[in-house]
Amino acid sequence: MAEKTIMLACNAGMSTSLLVSKMQKAAEADGVDAEIFATSADQIDLEKDSKHPDVLMLGPQVRYLEKDLKAKMDIPVDVINMQDYGMMNGEHVLKAALDLIDAK
Protein backbone atom coordinates (compact mmCIF):
# COMPACT_ATOMS: atom_id res chain seq x y z
CA MET A 1 0.00 0.00 0.00
CA ALA A 2 1.28 3.45 -0.91
CA GLU A 3 2.31 5.94 1.75
CA LYS A 4 -0.01 8.60 0.29
CA THR A 5 -3.15 8.24 -1.81
CA ILE A 6 -4.30 11.07 -4.05
CA MET A 7 -7.70 11.12 -5.75
CA LEU A 8 -8.43 13.39 -8.71
CA ALA A 9 -11.98 13.95 -9.92
CA CYS A 10 -13.53 15.58 -12.95
CA ASN A 11 -16.79 15.19 -14.88
CA ALA A 12 -16.01 11.79 -16.36
CA GLY A 13 -12.55 11.01 -14.99
CA MET A 14 -11.05 11.18 -18.47
CA SER A 15 -9.13 14.45 -18.50
CA THR A 16 -7.70 13.79 -15.05
CA SER A 17 -6.44 10.38 -16.19
CA LEU A 18 -3.73 12.02 -18.30
CA LEU A 19 -2.81 14.22 -15.35
CA VAL A 20 -2.52 11.11 -13.16
CA SER A 21 0.19 9.65 -15.41
CA LYS A 22 2.11 12.94 -15.33
CA MET A 23 1.81 13.06 -11.53
CA GLN A 24 2.99 9.44 -11.22
CA LYS A 25 6.09 10.24 -13.26
CA ALA A 26 6.79 13.25 -11.05
CA ALA A 27 6.27 11.15 -7.91
CA GLU A 28 8.69 8.48 -9.15
CA ALA A 29 11.28 11.15 -10.02
CA ASP A 30 10.92 12.69 -6.55
CA GLY A 31 10.94 9.34 -4.73
CA VAL A 32 7.39 9.83 -3.44
CA ASP A 33 5.45 6.65 -2.64
CA ALA A 34 1.97 7.62 -3.80
CA GLU A 35 -1.06 5.96 -5.33
CA ILE A 36 -2.69 8.48 -7.65
CA PHE A 37 -5.98 7.77 -9.39
CA ALA A 38 -8.76 9.54 -11.24
CA THR A 39 -12.49 9.14 -10.96
CA SER A 40 -15.66 10.78 -12.17
CA ALA A 41 -17.44 13.26 -9.93
CA ASP A 42 -20.36 10.89 -9.40
CA GLN A 43 -18.02 8.15 -8.11
CA ILE A 44 -16.21 10.26 -5.48
CA ASP A 45 -18.04 8.76 -2.48
CA LEU A 46 -17.60 5.18 -3.70
CA GLU A 47 -13.88 5.65 -4.43
CA LYS A 48 -13.32 7.44 -1.11
CA ASP A 49 -14.83 4.51 0.79
CA SER A 50 -12.89 1.87 -1.14
CA LYS A 51 -9.48 3.52 -1.58
CA HIS A 52 -9.33 5.87 1.44
CA PRO A 53 -7.45 8.75 -0.22
CA ASP A 54 -5.52 11.33 1.81
CA VAL A 55 -6.62 14.20 -0.42
CA LEU A 56 -9.14 14.98 -3.17
CA MET A 57 -8.14 17.29 -6.01
CA LEU A 58 -10.96 18.53 -8.25
CA GLY A 59 -10.65 19.40 -11.90
CA PRO A 60 -11.55 23.07 -12.55
CA GLN A 61 -14.70 22.04 -14.43
CA VAL A 62 -16.19 20.58 -11.22
CA ARG A 63 -15.09 23.37 -8.87
CA TYR A 64 -18.78 23.93 -8.07
CA LEU A 65 -18.60 20.74 -5.95
CA GLU A 66 -15.82 22.07 -3.71
CA LYS A 67 -17.94 23.64 -0.94
CA ASP A 68 -20.23 20.63 -0.50
CA LEU A 69 -17.34 18.16 -0.61
CA LYS A 70 -15.32 20.12 1.93
CA ALA A 71 -18.34 20.06 4.26
CA LYS A 72 -18.83 16.29 4.07
CA MET A 73 -15.30 14.94 3.59
CA ASP A 74 -12.82 14.27 6.37
CA ILE A 75 -9.88 14.80 4.01
CA PRO A 76 -8.52 17.97 2.37
CA VAL A 77 -10.35 18.98 -0.81
CA ASP A 78 -9.06 21.56 -3.29
CA VAL A 79 -9.49 22.63 -6.90
CA ILE A 80 -6.51 22.04 -9.20
CA ASN A 81 -4.94 25.27 -10.40
CA MET A 82 -6.44 25.98 -13.84
CA GLN A 83 -3.09 26.76 -15.46
CA ASP A 84 -1.48 23.59 -14.06
CA TYR A 85 -4.52 21.60 -15.20
CA GLY A 86 -4.46 23.06 -18.70
CA MET A 87 -0.72 22.46 -19.05
CA MET A 88 -1.05 19.00 -17.44
CA ASN A 89 1.73 19.99 -15.03
CA GLY A 90 1.87 16.83 -12.94
CA GLU A 91 4.75 18.07 -10.82
CA HIS A 92 2.88 21.20 -9.64
CA VAL A 93 -0.37 19.33 -8.97
CA LEU A 94 1.53 16.62 -7.07
CA LYS A 95 3.22 19.26 -4.93
CA ALA A 96 -0.11 20.97 -4.21
CA ALA A 97 -1.67 17.64 -3.18
CA LEU A 98 1.28 16.71 -0.95
CA ASP A 99 1.24 20.15 0.67
CA LEU A 100 -2.45 19.67 1.54
CA ILE A 101 -1.75 16.25 3.03
CA ASP A 102 1.18 17.59 5.07
CA ALA A 103 -0.88 20.57 6.31
CA LYS A 104 -3.66 18.26 7.57
PDB file of N, CA and C in Angstrom:
ATOM      1  N   MET A   1       0.842  -1.192   0.000  1.00  0.00           N
ATOM      2  CA  MET A   1       0.000   0.000   0.000  1.00  0.00           C
ATOM      3  C   MET A   1       0.880   1.245   0.000  1.00  0.00           C
ATOM      4  N   ALA A   2       0.492   2.222  -0.774  1.00  0.00           N
ATOM      5  CA  ALA A   2       1.277   3.450  -0.912  1.00  0.00           C
ATOM      6  C   ALA A   2       1.204   4.279   0.365  1.00  0.00           C
ATOM      7  N   GLU A   3       2.245   5.060   0.576  1.00  0.00           N
ATOM      8  CA  GLU A   3       2.309   5.937   1.748  1.00  0.00           C
ATOM      9  C   GLU A   3       1.242   7.027   1.691  1.00  0.00           C
ATOM     10  N   LYS A   4       0.988   7.544   0.484  1.00  0.00           N
ATOM     11  CA  LYS A   4      -0.013   8.597   0.292  1.00  0.00           C
ATOM     12  C   LYS A   4      -0.918   8.208  -0.876  1.00  0.00           C
ATOM     13  N   THR A   5      -2.198   8.529  -0.749  1.00  0.00           N
ATOM     14  CA  THR A   5      -3.149   8.238  -1.811  1.00  0.00           C
ATOM     15  C   THR A   5      -3.839   9.529  -2.225  1.00  0.00           C
ATOM     16  N   ILE A   6      -3.769   9.825  -3.510  1.00  0.00           N
ATOM     17  CA  ILE A   6      -4.299  11.071  -4.054  1.00  0.00           C
ATOM     18  C   ILE A   6      -5.393  10.748  -5.059  1.00  0.00           C
ATOM     19  N   MET A   7      -6.587  11.315  -4.833  1.00  0.00           N
ATOM     20  CA  MET A   7      -7.705  11.119  -5.748  1.00  0.00           C
ATOM     21  C   MET A   7      -7.947  12.406  -6.527  1.00  0.00           C
ATOM     22  N   LEU A   8      -8.058  12.279  -7.842  1.00  0.00           N
ATOM     23  CA  LEU A   8      -8.430  13.390  -8.710  1.00  0.00           C
ATOM     24  C   LEU A   8      -9.824  13.107  -9.249  1.00  0.00           C
ATOM     25  N   ALA A   9     -10.629  14.142  -9.391  1.00  0.00           N
ATOM     26  CA  ALA A   9     -11.982  13.947  -9.920  1.00  0.00           C
ATOM     27  C   ALA A   9     -12.320  15.047 -10.916  1.00  0.00           C
ATOM     28  N   CYS A  10     -12.997  14.636 -11.977  1.00  0.00           N
ATOM     29  CA  CYS A  10     -13.534  15.581 -12.952  1.00  0.00           C
ATOM     30  C   CYS A  10     -14.880  15.045 -13.411  1.00  0.00           C
ATOM     31  N   ASN A  11     -15.453  15.619 -14.435  1.00  0.00           N
ATOM     32  CA  ASN A  11     -16.789  15.187 -14.876  1.00  0.00           C
ATOM     33  C   ASN A  11     -16.856  13.695 -15.154  1.00  0.00           C
ATOM     34  N   ALA A  12     -15.959  13.199 -15.985  1.00  0.00           N
ATOM     35  CA  ALA A  12     -16.010  11.787 -16.362  1.00  0.00           C
ATOM     36  C   ALA A  12     -14.778  11.002 -15.937  1.00  0.00           C
ATOM     37  N   GLY A  13     -13.769  11.690 -15.378  1.00  0.00           N
ATOM     38  CA  GLY A  13     -12.546  11.011 -14.985  1.00  0.00           C
ATOM     39  C   GLY A  13     -11.561  10.842 -16.129  1.00  0.00           C
ATOM     40  N   MET A  14     -11.902  11.371 -17.297  1.00  0.00           N
ATOM     41  CA  MET A  14     -11.054  11.184 -18.471  1.00  0.00           C
ATOM     42  C   MET A  14      -9.894  12.182 -18.516  1.00  0.00           C
ATOM     43  N   SER A  15     -10.197  13.452 -18.384  1.00  0.00           N
ATOM     44  CA  SER A  15      -9.134  14.451 -18.496  1.00  0.00           C
ATOM     45  C   SER A  15      -8.154  14.344 -17.337  1.00  0.00           C
ATOM     46  N   THR A  16      -8.626  13.937 -16.167  1.00  0.00           N
ATOM     47  CA  THR A  16      -7.703  13.795 -15.045  1.00  0.00           C
ATOM     48  C   THR A  16      -6.837  12.545 -15.186  1.00  0.00           C
ATOM     49  N   SER A  17      -7.243  11.590 -16.012  1.00  0.00           N
ATOM     50  CA  SER A  17      -6.438  10.379 -16.192  1.00  0.00           C
ATOM     51  C   SER A  17      -5.068  10.696 -16.785  1.00  0.00           C
ATOM     52  N   LEU A  18      -5.021  11.611 -17.733  1.00  0.00           N
ATOM     53  CA  LEU A  18      -3.732  12.023 -18.299  1.00  0.00           C
ATOM     54  C   LEU A  18      -2.891  12.709 -17.234  1.00  0.00           C
ATOM     55  N   LEU A  19      -3.522  13.533 -16.426  1.00  0.00           N
ATOM     56  CA  LEU A  19      -2.808  14.221 -15.354  1.00  0.00           C
ATOM     57  C   LEU A  19      -2.253  13.220 -14.346  1.00  0.00           C
ATOM     58  N   VAL A  20      -2.991  12.149 -14.078  1.00  0.00           N
ATOM     59  CA  VAL A  20      -2.519  11.108 -13.160  1.00  0.00           C
ATOM     60  C   VAL A  20      -1.184  10.548 -13.630  1.00  0.00           C
ATOM     61  N   SER A  21      -1.069  10.229 -14.920  1.00  0.00           N
ATOM     62  CA  SER A  21       0.188   9.652 -15.406  1.00  0.00           C
ATOM     63  C   SER A  21       1.341  10.643 -15.275  1.00  0.00           C
ATOM     64  N   LYS A  22       1.063  11.917 -15.493  1.00  0.00           N
ATOM     65  CA  LYS A  22       2.112  12.944 -15.329  1.00  0.00           C
ATOM     66  C   LYS A  22       2.511  13.067 -13.850  1.00  0.00           C
ATOM     67  N   MET A  23       1.523  12.984 -12.967  1.00  0.00           N
ATOM     68  CA  MET A  23       1.805  13.057 -11.530  1.00  0.00           C
ATOM     69  C   MET A  23       2.589  11.831 -11.062  1.00  0.00           C
ATOM     70  N   GLN A  24       2.269  10.654 -11.595  1.00  0.00           N
ATOM     71  CA  GLN A  24       2.987   9.441 -11.218  1.00  0.00           C
ATOM     72  C   GLN A  24       4.453   9.521 -11.629  1.00  0.00           C
ATOM     73  N   LYS A  25       4.700  10.064 -12.817  1.00  0.00           N
ATOM     74  CA  LYS A  25       6.087  10.238 -13.264  1.00  0.00           C
ATOM     75  C   LYS A  25       6.833  11.201 -12.347  1.00  0.00           C
ATOM     76  N   ALA A  26       6.172  12.286 -11.952  1.00  0.00           N
ATOM     77  CA  ALA A  26       6.788  13.254 -11.051  1.00  0.00           C
ATOM     78  C   ALA A  26       7.049  12.620  -9.685  1.00  0.00           C
ATOM     79  N   ALA A  27       6.110  11.815  -9.207  1.00  0.00           N
ATOM     80  CA  ALA A  27       6.274  11.153  -7.907  1.00  0.00           C
ATOM     81  C   ALA A  27       7.459  10.191  -7.942  1.00  0.00           C
ATOM     82  N   GLU A  28       7.556   9.411  -9.011  1.00  0.00           N
ATOM     83  CA  GLU A  28       8.690   8.484  -9.155  1.00  0.00           C
ATOM     84  C   GLU A  28      10.008   9.246  -9.178  1.00  0.00           C
ATOM     85  N   ALA A  29      10.054  10.344  -9.920  1.00  0.00           N
ATOM     86  CA  ALA A  29      11.277  11.145 -10.024  1.00  0.00           C
ATOM     87  C   ALA A  29      11.671  11.743  -8.679  1.00  0.00           C
ATOM     88  N   ASP A  30      10.650  12.080  -7.854  1.00  0.00           N
ATOM     89  CA  ASP A  30      10.918  12.690  -6.553  1.00  0.00           C
ATOM     90  C   ASP A  30      11.029  11.662  -5.428  1.00  0.00           C
ATOM     91  N   GLY A  31      10.862  10.384  -5.739  1.00  0.00           N
ATOM     92  CA  GLY A  31      10.938   9.337  -4.728  1.00  0.00           C
ATOM     93  C   GLY A  31       9.750   9.339  -3.774  1.00  0.00           C
ATOM     94  N   VAL A  32       8.596   9.781  -4.260  1.00  0.00           N
ATOM     95  CA  VAL A  32       7.385   9.827  -3.440  1.00  0.00           C
ATOM     96  C   VAL A  32       6.583   8.547  -3.663  1.00  0.00           C
ATOM     97  N   ASP A  33       6.254   7.862  -2.568  1.00  0.00           N
ATOM     98  CA  ASP A  33       5.452   6.646  -2.640  1.00  0.00           C
ATOM     99  C   ASP A  33       3.981   7.035  -2.582  1.00  0.00           C
ATOM    100  N   ALA A  34       3.353   7.143  -3.752  1.00  0.00           N
ATOM    101  CA  ALA A  34       1.969   7.617  -3.804  1.00  0.00           C
ATOM    102  C   ALA A  34       1.153   6.806  -4.798  1.00  0.00           C
ATOM    103  N   GLU A  35      -0.071   6.507  -4.400  1.00  0.00           N
ATOM    104  CA  GLU A  35      -1.056   5.957  -5.329  1.00  0.00           C
ATOM    105  C   GLU A  35      -1.889   7.140  -5.789  1.00  0.00           C
ATOM    106  N   ILE A  36      -1.958   7.348  -7.081  1.00  0.00           N
ATOM    107  CA  ILE A  36      -2.689   8.480  -7.652  1.00  0.00           C
ATOM    108  C   ILE A  36      -3.700   7.901  -8.640  1.00  0.00           C
ATOM    109  N   PHE A  37      -4.959   8.293  -8.491  1.00  0.00           N
ATOM    110  CA  PHE A  37      -5.981   7.765  -9.389  1.00  0.00           C
ATOM    111  C   PHE A  37      -7.022   8.832  -9.696  1.00  0.00           C
ATOM    112  N   ALA A  38      -7.720   8.613 -10.800  1.00  0.00           N
ATOM    113  CA  ALA A  38      -8.760   9.542 -11.241  1.00  0.00           C
ATOM    114  C   ALA A  38     -10.111   8.857 -11.198  1.00  0.00           C
ATOM    115  N   THR A  39     -11.129   9.654 -10.965  1.00  0.00           N
ATOM    116  CA  THR A  39     -12.490   9.143 -10.963  1.00  0.00           C
ATOM    117  C   THR A  39     -13.434  10.212 -11.485  1.00  0.00           C
ATOM    118  N   SER A  40     -14.644   9.805 -11.762  1.00  0.00           N
ATOM    119  CA  SER A  40     -15.657  10.778 -12.170  1.00  0.00           C
ATOM    120  C   SER A  40     -16.296  11.378 -10.918  1.00  0.00           C
ATOM    121  N   ALA A  41     -16.851  12.558 -11.065  1.00  0.00           N
ATOM    122  CA  ALA A  41     -17.444  13.262  -9.926  1.00  0.00           C
ATOM    123  C   ALA A  41     -18.523  12.430  -9.240  1.00  0.00           C
ATOM    124  N   ASP A  42     -19.281  11.666 -10.013  1.00  0.00           N
ATOM    125  CA  ASP A  42     -20.359  10.887  -9.400  1.00  0.00           C
ATOM    126  C   ASP A  42     -19.871   9.620  -8.694  1.00  0.00           C
ATOM    127  N   GLN A  43     -18.588   9.327  -8.788  1.00  0.00           N
ATOM    128  CA  GLN A  43     -18.016   8.154  -8.110  1.00  0.00           C
ATOM    129  C   GLN A  43     -17.142   8.527  -6.911  1.00  0.00           C
ATOM    130  N   ILE A  44     -17.089   9.804  -6.561  1.00  0.00           N
ATOM    131  CA  ILE A  44     -16.210  10.262  -5.480  1.00  0.00           C
ATOM    132  C   ILE A  44     -16.475   9.504  -4.181  1.00  0.00           C
ATOM    133  N   ASP A  45     -17.725   9.423  -3.757  1.00  0.00           N
ATOM    134  CA  ASP A  45     -18.036   8.760  -2.484  1.00  0.00           C
ATOM    135  C   ASP A  45     -17.633   7.289  -2.498  1.00  0.00           C
ATOM    136  N   LEU A  46     -17.937   6.601  -3.575  1.00  0.00           N
ATOM    137  CA  LEU A  46     -17.598   5.183  -3.699  1.00  0.00           C
ATOM    138  C   LEU A  46     -16.086   4.978  -3.637  1.00  0.00           C
ATOM    139  N   GLU A  47     -15.345   5.778  -4.396  1.00  0.00           N
ATOM    140  CA  GLU A  47     -13.882   5.655  -4.426  1.00  0.00           C
ATOM    141  C   GLU A  47     -13.267   6.034  -3.076  1.00  0.00           C
ATOM    142  N   LYS A  48     -13.841   7.028  -2.410  1.00  0.00           N
ATOM    143  CA  LYS A  48     -13.325   7.436  -1.110  1.00  0.00           C
ATOM    144  C   LYS A  48     -13.463   6.289  -0.119  1.00  0.00           C
ATOM    145  N   ASP A  49     -14.599   5.613  -0.145  1.00  0.00           N
ATOM    146  CA  ASP A  49     -14.834   4.511   0.785  1.00  0.00           C
ATOM    147  C   ASP A  49     -13.980   3.286   0.478  1.00  0.00           C
ATOM    148  N   SER A  50     -13.667   3.073  -0.792  1.00  0.00           N
ATOM    149  CA  SER A  50     -12.893   1.871  -1.135  1.00  0.00           C
ATOM    150  C   SER A  50     -11.379   2.088  -1.109  1.00  0.00           C
ATOM    151  N   LYS A  51     -10.928   3.299  -1.471  1.00  0.00           N
ATOM    152  CA  LYS A  51      -9.478   3.523  -1.576  1.00  0.00           C
ATOM    153  C   LYS A  51      -8.904   4.413  -0.473  1.00  0.00           C
ATOM    154  N   HIS A  52      -9.749   5.038   0.301  1.00  0.00           N
ATOM    155  CA  HIS A  52      -9.334   5.871   1.443  1.00  0.00           C
ATOM    156  C   HIS A  52      -8.218   6.872   1.094  1.00  0.00           C
ATOM    157  N   PRO A  53      -8.484   7.779   0.162  1.00  0.00           N
ATOM    158  CA  PRO A  53      -7.454   8.748  -0.223  1.00  0.00           C
ATOM    159  C   PRO A  53      -7.145   9.729   0.906  1.00  0.00           C
ATOM    160  N   ASP A  54      -5.953  10.319   0.831  1.00  0.00           N
ATOM    161  CA  ASP A  54      -5.523  11.326   1.808  1.00  0.00           C
ATOM    162  C   ASP A  54      -5.951  12.720   1.390  1.00  0.00           C
ATOM    163  N   VAL A  55      -6.251  12.891   0.099  1.00  0.00           N
ATOM    164  CA  VAL A  55      -6.621  14.200  -0.422  1.00  0.00           C
ATOM    165  C   VAL A  55      -7.455  14.012  -1.689  1.00  0.00           C
ATOM    166  N   LEU A  56      -8.337  14.967  -1.948  1.00  0.00           N
ATOM    167  CA  LEU A  56      -9.143  14.983  -3.167  1.00  0.00           C
ATOM    168  C   LEU A  56      -8.855  16.277  -3.911  1.00  0.00           C
ATOM    169  N   MET A  57      -8.408  16.144  -5.148  1.00  0.00           N
ATOM    170  CA  MET A  57      -8.137  17.287  -6.007  1.00  0.00           C
ATOM    171  C   MET A  57      -9.182  17.287  -7.123  1.00  0.00           C
ATOM    172  N   LEU A  58      -9.888  18.411  -7.255  1.00  0.00           N
ATOM    173  CA  LEU A  58     -10.963  18.526  -8.246  1.00  0.00           C
ATOM    174  C   LEU A  58     -10.482  19.223  -9.511  1.00  0.00           C
ATOM    175  N   GLY A  59     -10.901  18.713 -10.650  1.00  0.00           N
ATOM    176  CA  GLY A  59     -10.646  19.405 -11.905  1.00  0.00           C
ATOM    177  C   GLY A  59     -11.413  20.718 -11.906  1.00  0.00           C
ATOM    178  N   PRO A  60     -10.886  21.755 -12.552  1.00  0.00           N
ATOM    179  CA  PRO A  60     -11.548  23.066 -12.553  1.00  0.00           C
ATOM    180  C   PRO A  60     -12.999  23.028 -13.030  1.00  0.00           C
ATOM    181  N   GLN A  61     -13.341  22.092 -13.907  1.00  0.00           N
ATOM    182  CA  GLN A  61     -14.699  22.035 -14.434  1.00  0.00           C
ATOM    183  C   GLN A  61     -15.721  21.558 -13.400  1.00  0.00           C
ATOM    184  N   VAL A  62     -15.267  21.002 -12.277  1.00  0.00           N
ATOM    185  CA  VAL A  62     -16.192  20.585 -11.218  1.00  0.00           C
ATOM    186  C   VAL A  62     -15.941  21.363  -9.917  1.00  0.00           C
ATOM    187  N   ARG A  63     -15.381  22.549 -10.051  1.00  0.00           N
ATOM    188  CA  ARG A  63     -15.090  23.367  -8.867  1.00  0.00           C
ATOM    189  C   ARG A  63     -16.357  23.691  -8.085  1.00  0.00           C
ATOM    190  N   TYR A  64     -17.507  23.657  -8.738  1.00  0.00           N
ATOM    191  CA  TYR A  64     -18.780  23.931  -8.065  1.00  0.00           C
ATOM    192  C   TYR A  64     -19.075  22.914  -6.952  1.00  0.00           C
ATOM    193  N   LEU A  65     -18.398  21.766  -6.969  1.00  0.00           N
ATOM    194  CA  LEU A  65     -18.598  20.736  -5.945  1.00  0.00           C
ATOM    195  C   LEU A  65     -17.759  20.978  -4.686  1.00  0.00           C
ATOM    196  N   GLU A  66     -16.808  21.899  -4.776  1.00  0.00           N
ATOM    197  CA  GLU A  66     -15.820  22.074  -3.709  1.00  0.00           C
ATOM    198  C   GLU A  66     -16.459  22.325  -2.339  1.00  0.00           C
ATOM    199  N   LYS A  67     -17.359  23.272  -2.239  1.00  0.00           N
ATOM    200  CA  LYS A  67     -17.936  23.643  -0.944  1.00  0.00           C
ATOM    201  C   LYS A  67     -18.654  22.456  -0.288  1.00  0.00           C
ATOM    202  N   ASP A  68     -19.495  21.769  -1.044  1.00  0.00           N
ATOM    203  CA  ASP A  68     -20.230  20.627  -0.502  1.00  0.00           C
ATOM    204  C   ASP A  68     -19.292  19.495  -0.094  1.00  0.00           C
ATOM    205  N   LEU A  69     -18.280  19.235  -0.923  1.00  0.00           N
ATOM    206  CA  LEU A  69     -17.342  18.160  -0.615  1.00  0.00           C
ATOM    207  C   LEU A  69     -16.513  18.483   0.619  1.00  0.00           C
ATOM    208  N   LYS A  70     -16.087  19.729   0.742  1.00  0.00           N
ATOM    209  CA  LYS A  70     -15.321  20.119   1.933  1.00  0.00           C
ATOM    210  C   LYS A  70     -16.143  19.921   3.199  1.00  0.00           C
ATOM    211  N   ALA A  71     -17.458  20.183   3.106  1.00  0.00           N
ATOM    212  CA  ALA A  71     -18.337  20.064   4.263  1.00  0.00           C
ATOM    213  C   ALA A  71     -18.535  18.603   4.679  1.00  0.00           C
ATOM    214  N   LYS A  72     -18.524  17.683   3.716  1.00  0.00           N
ATOM    215  CA  LYS A  72     -18.830  16.295   4.066  1.00  0.00           C
ATOM    216  C   LYS A  72     -17.624  15.358   4.115  1.00  0.00           C
ATOM    217  N   MET A  73     -16.488  15.795   3.607  1.00  0.00           N
ATOM    218  CA  MET A  73     -15.299  14.937   3.587  1.00  0.00           C
ATOM    219  C   MET A  73     -14.433  15.182   4.823  1.00  0.00           C
ATOM    220  N   ASP A  74     -13.744  14.142   5.251  1.00  0.00           N
ATOM    221  CA  ASP A  74     -12.822  14.272   6.372  1.00  0.00           C
ATOM    222  C   ASP A  74     -11.370  14.310   5.890  1.00  0.00           C
ATOM    223  N   ILE A  75     -11.204  14.643   4.604  1.00  0.00           N
ATOM    224  CA  ILE A  75      -9.876  14.796   4.009  1.00  0.00           C
ATOM    225  C   ILE A  75      -9.826  16.166   3.326  1.00  0.00           C
ATOM    226  N   PRO A  76      -8.616  16.692   3.087  1.00  0.00           N
ATOM    227  CA  PRO A  76      -8.524  17.969   2.370  1.00  0.00           C
ATOM    228  C   PRO A  76      -9.084  17.853   0.950  1.00  0.00           C
ATOM    229  N   VAL A  77      -9.777  18.897   0.531  1.00  0.00           N
ATOM    230  CA  VAL A  77     -10.354  18.982  -0.815  1.00  0.00           C
ATOM    231  C   VAL A  77      -9.926  20.324  -1.400  1.00  0.00           C
ATOM    232  N   ASP A  78      -9.441  20.317  -2.640  1.00  0.00           N
ATOM    233  CA  ASP A  78      -9.059  21.562  -3.290  1.00  0.00           C
ATOM    234  C   ASP A  78      -9.260  21.433  -4.793  1.00  0.00           C
ATOM    235  N   VAL A  79      -9.352  22.586  -5.445  1.00  0.00           N
ATOM    236  CA  VAL A  79      -9.486  22.625  -6.902  1.00  0.00           C
ATOM    237  C   VAL A  79      -8.089  22.763  -7.499  1.00  0.00           C
ATOM    238  N   ILE A  80      -7.807  21.974  -8.515  1.00  0.00           N
ATOM    239  CA  ILE A  80      -6.514  22.037  -9.197  1.00  0.00           C
ATOM    240  C   ILE A  80      -6.383  23.390  -9.888  1.00  0.00           C
ATOM    241  N   ASN A  81      -5.227  24.006  -9.749  1.00  0.00           N
ATOM    242  CA  ASN A  81      -4.944  25.271 -10.401  1.00  0.00           C
ATOM    243  C   ASN A  81      -5.221  25.137 -11.901  1.00  0.00           C
ATOM    244  N   MET A  82      -6.000  26.084 -12.445  1.00  0.00           N
ATOM    245  CA  MET A  82      -6.435  25.981 -13.836  1.00  0.00           C
ATOM    246  C   MET A  82      -5.264  25.955 -14.813  1.00  0.00           C
ATOM    247  N   GLN A  83      -4.245  26.745 -14.555  1.00  0.00           N
ATOM    248  CA  GLN A  83      -3.090  26.758 -15.463  1.00  0.00           C
ATOM    249  C   GLN A  83      -2.350  25.419 -15.408  1.00  0.00           C
ATOM    250  N   ASP A  84      -2.152  24.894 -14.193  1.00  0.00           N
ATOM    251  CA  ASP A  84      -1.482  23.595 -14.061  1.00  0.00           C
ATOM    252  C   ASP A  84      -2.303  22.493 -14.720  1.00  0.00           C
ATOM    253  N   TYR A  85      -3.620  22.592 -14.594  1.00  0.00           N
ATOM    254  CA  TYR A  85      -4.516  21.601 -15.197  1.00  0.00           C
ATOM    255  C   TYR A  85      -4.435  21.679 -16.723  1.00  0.00           C
ATOM    256  N   GLY A  86      -4.511  22.876 -17.248  1.00  0.00           N
ATOM    257  CA  GLY A  86      -4.456  23.064 -18.700  1.00  0.00           C
ATOM    258  C   GLY A  86      -3.139  22.619 -19.307  1.00  0.00           C
ATOM    259  N   MET A  87      -2.053  22.839 -18.568  1.00  0.00           N
ATOM    260  CA  MET A  87      -0.724  22.456 -19.051  1.00  0.00           C
ATOM    261  C   MET A  87      -0.376  21.019 -18.670  1.00  0.00           C
ATOM    262  N   MET A  88      -1.289  20.361 -17.937  1.00  0.00           N
ATOM    263  CA  MET A  88      -1.047  19.001 -17.442  1.00  0.00           C
ATOM    264  C   MET A  88       0.289  18.939 -16.693  1.00  0.00           C
ATOM    265  N   ASN A  89       0.490  19.910 -15.792  1.00  0.00           N
ATOM    266  CA  ASN A  89       1.730  19.994 -15.030  1.00  0.00           C
ATOM    267  C   ASN A  89       1.629  19.088 -13.798  1.00  0.00           C
ATOM    268  N   GLY A  90       1.968  17.831 -14.004  1.00  0.00           N
ATOM    269  CA  GLY A  90       1.870  16.834 -12.939  1.00  0.00           C
ATOM    270  C   GLY A  90       2.703  17.160 -11.724  1.00  0.00           C
ATOM    271  N   GLU A  91       3.863  17.747 -11.940  1.00  0.00           N
ATOM    272  CA  GLU A  91       4.752  18.071 -10.818  1.00  0.00           C
ATOM    273  C   GLU A  91       4.106  19.108  -9.897  1.00  0.00           C
ATOM    274  N   HIS A  92       3.517  20.163 -10.465  1.00  0.00           N
ATOM    275  CA  HIS A  92       2.881  21.202  -9.643  1.00  0.00           C
ATOM    276  C   HIS A  92       1.652  20.673  -8.905  1.00  0.00           C
ATOM    277  N   VAL A  93       0.845  19.868  -9.598  1.00  0.00           N
ATOM    278  CA  VAL A  93      -0.367  19.326  -8.975  1.00  0.00           C
ATOM    279  C   VAL A  93       0.017  18.343  -7.871  1.00  0.00           C
ATOM    280  N   LEU A  94       1.042  17.541  -8.105  1.00  0.00           N
ATOM    281  CA  LEU A  94       1.530  16.622  -7.071  1.00  0.00           C
ATOM    282  C   LEU A  94       1.978  17.394  -5.842  1.00  0.00           C
ATOM    283  N   LYS A  95       2.740  18.455  -6.053  1.00  0.00           N
ATOM    284  CA  LYS A  95       3.217  19.259  -4.928  1.00  0.00           C
ATOM    285  C   LYS A  95       2.047  19.868  -4.157  1.00  0.00           C
ATOM    286  N   ALA A  96       1.062  20.379  -4.864  1.00  0.00           N
ATOM    287  CA  ALA A  96      -0.114  20.967  -4.212  1.00  0.00           C
ATOM    288  C   ALA A  96      -0.841  19.918  -3.365  1.00  0.00           C
ATOM    289  N   ALA A  97      -0.990  18.717  -3.912  1.00  0.00           N
ATOM    290  CA  ALA A  97      -1.670  17.637  -3.178  1.00  0.00           C
ATOM    291  C   ALA A  97      -0.870  17.238  -1.938  1.00  0.00           C
ATOM    292  N   LEU A  98       0.434  17.095  -2.094  1.00  0.00           N
ATOM    293  CA  LEU A  98       1.278  16.705  -0.953  1.00  0.00           C
ATOM    294  C   LEU A  98       1.294  17.789   0.117  1.00  0.00           C
ATOM    295  N   ASP A  99       1.287  19.057  -0.298  1.00  0.00           N
ATOM    296  CA  ASP A  99       1.243  20.152   0.669  1.00  0.00           C
ATOM    297  C   ASP A  99      -0.050  20.104   1.482  1.00  0.00           C
ATOM    298  N   LEU A 100      -1.165  19.784   0.827  1.00  0.00           N
ATOM    299  CA  LEU A 100      -2.453  19.669   1.538  1.00  0.00           C
ATOM    300  C   LEU A 100      -2.424  18.516   2.536  1.00  0.00           C
ATOM    301  N   ILE A 101      -1.847  17.410   2.134  1.00  0.00           N
ATOM    302  CA  ILE A 101      -1.754  16.249   3.034  1.00  0.00           C
ATOM    303  C   ILE A 101      -0.894  16.610   4.240  1.00  0.00           C
ATOM    304  N   ASP A 102       0.255  17.236   3.988  1.00  0.00           N
ATOM    305  CA  ASP A 102       1.176  17.593   5.070  1.00  0.00           C
ATOM    306  C   ASP A 102       0.583  18.632   6.023  1.00  0.00           C
ATOM    307  N   ALA A 103      -0.285  19.506   5.497  1.00  0.00           N
ATOM    308  CA  ALA A 103      -0.877  20.568   6.314  1.00  0.00           C
ATOM    309  C   ALA A 103      -2.020  20.032   7.193  1.00  0.00           C
ATOM    310  N   LYS A 104      -2.505  18.847   6.869  1.00  0.00           N
ATOM    311  CA  LYS A 104      -3.659  18.265   7.571  1.00  0.00           C
ATOM    312  C   LYS A 104      -3.362  17.972   9.025  1.00  0.00           C
TER     313      LYS A 104
END
